[in-house]
Amino acid sequence: MEFTPAFCYAIAFVAVFIATAGQILLKKQAGTTKDKGFLSKFLNIRVIAAYGMLFLSLFMNQIALKEVPVSVLPCITSTSFIWVFLFGILILREKPGPRKILGVALILLGNAISRL
């Protein structure tokens, strides 16, 4: 099967959102298992689904690498941290601290510099 560059770029961006959804699911689950046992923290449907989503995003990135240059894919993938930051604020009602804001700013700056 032959993959076009546009398809591979689309796969890379979809992979970012799948990984972001998996990370939000893990963050949501982390808040509910504070007093539970060790195994119940890892052997529940949310955690298994989240890790499945993260594995799927890795698989999709491998497909994207057929046409997306290795110098570009990490820039696309790193935006997942920005999306997790934004969705954490919108969905989980997290209050961003100065370190998180600085981290997102550094990711944006790094992406901008790498594309010069």
C-alpha atoms as a PDB file:
ATOM      1  CA  MET A   1       0.000   0.000   0.000  1.00  0.00           C
ATOM      2  CA  GLU A   2       1.325   3.416  -0.955  1.00  0.00           C
ATOM      3  CA  PHE A   3       0.871   6.376   1.381  1.00  0.00           C
ATOM      4  CA  THR A   4       0.743   9.936   0.093  1.00  0.00           C
ATOM      5  CA  PRO A   5       2.507  12.740   1.987  1.00  0.00           C
ATOM      6  CA  ALA A   6      -0.832  14.420   2.809  1.00  0.00           C
ATOM      7  CA  PHE A   7      -2.176  11.162   4.253  1.00  0.00           C
ATOM      8  CA  CYS A   8       0.955  10.671   6.372  1.00  0.00           C
ATOM      9  CA  TYR A   9       0.781  14.216   7.739  1.00  0.00           C
ATOM     10  CA  ALA A  10      -2.900  13.692   8.556  1.00  0.00           C
ATOM     11  CA  ILE A  11      -2.035  10.435  10.331  1.00  0.00           C
ATOM     12  CA  ALA A  12       0.619  12.281  12.379  1.00  0.00           C
ATOM     13  CA  PHE A  13      -1.857  14.934  13.524  1.00  0.00           C
ATOM     14  CA  VAL A  14      -4.561  12.371  14.325  1.00  0.00           C
ATOM     15  CA  ALA A  15      -1.959  10.425  16.321  1.00  0.00           C
ATOM     16  CA  VAL A  16      -1.270  13.557  18.385  1.00  0.00           C
ATOM     17  CA  PHE A  17      -4.936  13.869  19.316  1.00  0.00           C
ATOM     18  CA  ILE A  18      -5.245  10.173  20.127  1.00  0.00           C
ATOM     19  CA  ALA A  19      -2.186  10.421  22.385  1.00  0.00           C
ATOM     20  CA  THR A  20      -3.616  13.574  23.976  1.00  0.00           C
ATOM     21  CA  ALA A  21      -6.920  11.824  24.683  1.00  0.00           C
ATOM     22  CA  GLY A  22      -5.020   8.914  26.235  1.00  0.00           C
ATOM     23  CA  GLN A  23      -3.022  11.243  28.471  1.00  0.00           C
ATOM     24  CA  ILE A  24      -6.157  13.108  29.594  1.00  0.00           C
ATOM     25  CA  LEU A  25      -7.784   9.765  30.384  1.00  0.00           C
ATOM     26  CA  LEU A  26      -4.761   8.786  32.493  1.00  0.00           C
ATOM     27  CA  LYS A  27      -4.834  12.113  34.329  1.00  0.00           C
ATOM     28  CA  LYS A  28      -8.547  11.719  35.006  1.00  0.00           C
ATOM     29  CA  GLN A  29      -8.037   8.198  36.324  1.00  0.00           C
ATOM     30  CA  ALA A  30      -5.096   9.240  38.514  1.00  0.00           C
ATOM     31  CA  GLY A  31      -7.406  11.394  40.589  1.00  0.00           C
ATOM     32  CA  THR A  32      -9.769   8.514  41.331  1.00  0.00           C
ATOM     33  CA  THR A  33      -7.371   5.810  42.566  1.00  0.00           C
ATOM     34  CA  LYS A  34      -5.633   7.475  45.512  1.00  0.00           C
ATOM     35  CA  ASP A  35      -6.865   5.077  48.195  1.00  0.00           C
ATOM     36  CA  LYS A  36      -7.047   1.906  46.113  1.00  0.00           C
ATOM     37  CA  GLY A  37      -4.573  -0.947  45.937  1.00  0.00           C
ATOM     38  CA  PHE A  38      -1.594  -1.203  43.618  1.00  0.00           C
ATOM     39  CA  LEU A  39      -3.211  -3.501  41.043  1.00  0.00           C
ATOM     40  CA  SER A  40      -6.471  -1.554  40.869  1.00  0.00           C
ATOM     41  CA  LYS A  41      -4.477   1.516  39.830  1.00  0.00           C
ATOM     42  CA  PHE A  42      -3.247  -0.245  36.699  1.00  0.00           C
ATOM     43  CA  LEU A  43      -5.779  -2.965  35.930  1.00  0.00           C
ATOM     44  CA  ASN A  44      -8.883  -0.948  35.172  1.00  0.00           C
ATOM     45  CA  ILE A  45     -10.607  -0.079  31.932  1.00  0.00           C
ATOM     46  CA  ARG A  46      -9.543   3.577  31.792  1.00  0.00           C
ATOM     47  CA  VAL A  47      -5.849   2.867  32.234  1.00  0.00           C
ATOM     48  CA  ILE A  48      -5.878  -0.051  29.790  1.00  0.00           C
ATOM     49  CA  ALA A  49      -7.782   2.045  27.209  1.00  0.00           C
ATOM     50  CA  ALA A  50      -5.409   4.991  27.692  1.00  0.00           C
ATOM     51  CA  TYR A  51      -2.317   2.849  27.170  1.00  0.00           C
ATOM     52  CA  GLY A  52      -4.009   1.285  24.142  1.00  0.00           C
ATOM     53  CA  MET A  53      -4.534   4.773  22.717  1.00  0.00           C
ATOM     54  CA  LEU A  54      -0.896   5.679  23.353  1.00  0.00           C
ATOM     55  CA  PHE A  55       0.247   2.472  21.651  1.00  0.00           C
ATOM     56  CA  LEU A  56      -2.044   3.233  18.690  1.00  0.00           C
ATOM     57  CA  SER A  57      -0.531   6.711  18.376  1.00  0.00           C
ATOM     58  CA  LEU A  58       2.971   5.204  18.298  1.00  0.00           C
ATOM     59  CA  PHE A  59       1.857   2.817  15.563  1.00  0.00           C
ATOM     60  CA  MET A  60       0.353   5.710  13.601  1.00  0.00           C
ATOM     61  CA  ASN A  61       3.598   7.676  13.942  1.00  0.00           C
ATOM     62  CA  GLN A  62       5.452   4.763  12.370  1.00  0.00           C
ATOM     63  CA  ILE A  63       3.096   4.960   9.388  1.00  0.00           C
ATOM     64  CA  ALA A  64       3.542   8.753   9.237  1.00  0.00           C
ATOM     65  CA  LEU A  65       7.315   8.322   9.048  1.00  0.00           C
ATOM     66  CA  LYS A  66       6.921   6.829   5.573  1.00  0.00           C
ATOM     67  CA  GLU A  67       6.484  10.366   4.171  1.00  0.00           C
ATOM     68  CA  VAL A  68       6.900  12.855   7.037  1.00  0.00           C
ATOM     69  CA  PRO A  69      10.569  13.811   7.490  1.00  0.00           C
ATOM     70  CA  VAL A  70      12.228  12.758  10.731  1.00  0.00           C
ATOM     71  CA  SER A  71      13.044  16.417  11.366  1.00  0.00           C
ATOM     72  CA  VAL A  72       9.337  17.371  11.256  1.00  0.00           C
ATOM     73  CA  LEU A  73       7.559  14.548  13.098  1.00  0.00           C
ATOM     74  CA  PRO A  74       8.957  15.392  16.572  1.00  0.00           C
ATOM     75  CA  CYS A  75       7.660  18.951  16.154  1.00  0.00           C
ATOM     76  CA  ILE A  76       4.197  17.603  15.387  1.00  0.00           C
ATOM     77  CA  THR A  77       4.366  15.077  18.223  1.00  0.00           C
ATOM     78  CA  SER A  78       5.547  17.653  20.777  1.00  0.00           C
ATOM     79  CA  THR A  79       2.333  19.606  20.306  1.00  0.00           C
ATOM     80  CA  SER A  80       0.573  16.871  22.300  1.00  0.00           C
ATOM     81  CA  PHE A  81       2.021  18.467  25.466  1.00  0.00           C
ATOM     82  CA  ILE A  82       0.375  21.746  24.492  1.00  0.00           C
ATOM     83  CA  TRP A  83      -2.951  20.022  23.850  1.00  0.00           C
ATOM     84  CA  VAL A  84      -2.770  18.166  27.176  1.00  0.00           C
ATOM     85  CA  PHE A  85      -2.096  21.509  28.868  1.00  0.00           C
ATOM     86  CA  LEU A  86      -5.107  23.139  27.172  1.00  0.00           C
ATOM     87  CA  PHE A  87      -7.467  20.184  27.624  1.00  0.00           C
ATOM     88  CA  GLY A  88      -6.370  19.873  31.249  1.00  0.00           C
ATOM     89  CA  ILE A  89      -7.558  23.428  31.786  1.00  0.00           C
ATOM     90  CA  LEU A  90     -10.788  23.010  29.798  1.00  0.00           C
ATOM     91  CA  ILE A  91     -11.819  19.450  30.695  1.00  0.00           C
ATOM     92  CA  LEU A  92     -10.191  18.725  34.045  1.00  0.00           C
ATOM     93  CA  ARG A  93     -10.453  22.317  35.339  1.00  0.00           C
ATOM     94  CA  GLU A  94      -6.760  22.388  36.236  1.00  0.00           C
ATOM     95  CA  LYS A  95      -5.175  25.692  37.161  1.00  0.00           C
ATOM     96  CA  PRO A  96      -1.893  26.104  35.282  1.00  0.00           C
ATOM     97  CA  GLY A  97       1.090  27.101  37.350  1.00  0.00           C
ATOM     98  CA  PRO A  98       4.027  29.182  36.182  1.00  0.00           C
ATOM     99  CA  ARG A  99       6.157  26.085  35.502  1.00  0.00           C
ATOM    100  CA  LYS A 100       3.514  24.577  33.201  1.00  0.00           C
ATOM    101  CA  ILE A 101       3.091  27.846  31.337  1.00  0.00           C
ATOM    102  CA  LEU A 102       6.870  28.161  30.966  1.00  0.00           C
ATOM    103  CA  GLY A 103       7.058  24.561  29.721  1.00  0.00           C
ATOM    104  CA  VAL A 104       4.434  25.174  27.032  1.00  0.00           C
ATOM    105  CA  ALA A 105       6.174  28.401  26.022  1.00  0.00           C
ATOM    106  CA  LEU A 106       9.485  26.545  25.676  1.00  0.00           C
ATOM    107  CA  ILE A 107       7.845  23.866  23.518  1.00  0.00           C
ATOM    108  CA  LEU A 108       6.370  26.536  21.253  1.00  0.00           C
ATOM    109  CA  LEU A 109       9.711  28.355  21.093  1.00  0.00           C
ATOM    110  CA  GLY A 110      11.569  25.117  20.350  1.00  0.00           C
ATOM    111  CA  ASN A 111       9.166  24.258  17.536  1.00  0.00           C
ATOM    112  CA  ALA A 112       9.521  27.750  16.072  1.00  0.00           C
ATOM    113  CA  ILE A 113      13.320  27.630  16.243  1.00  0.00           C
ATOM    114  CA  SER A 114      13.505  24.155  14.725  1.00  0.00           C
ATOM    115  CA  ARG A 115      11.498  25.290  11.711  1.00  0.00           C
ATOM    116  CA  LEU A 116      13.841  28.215  10.859  1.00  0.00           C
END
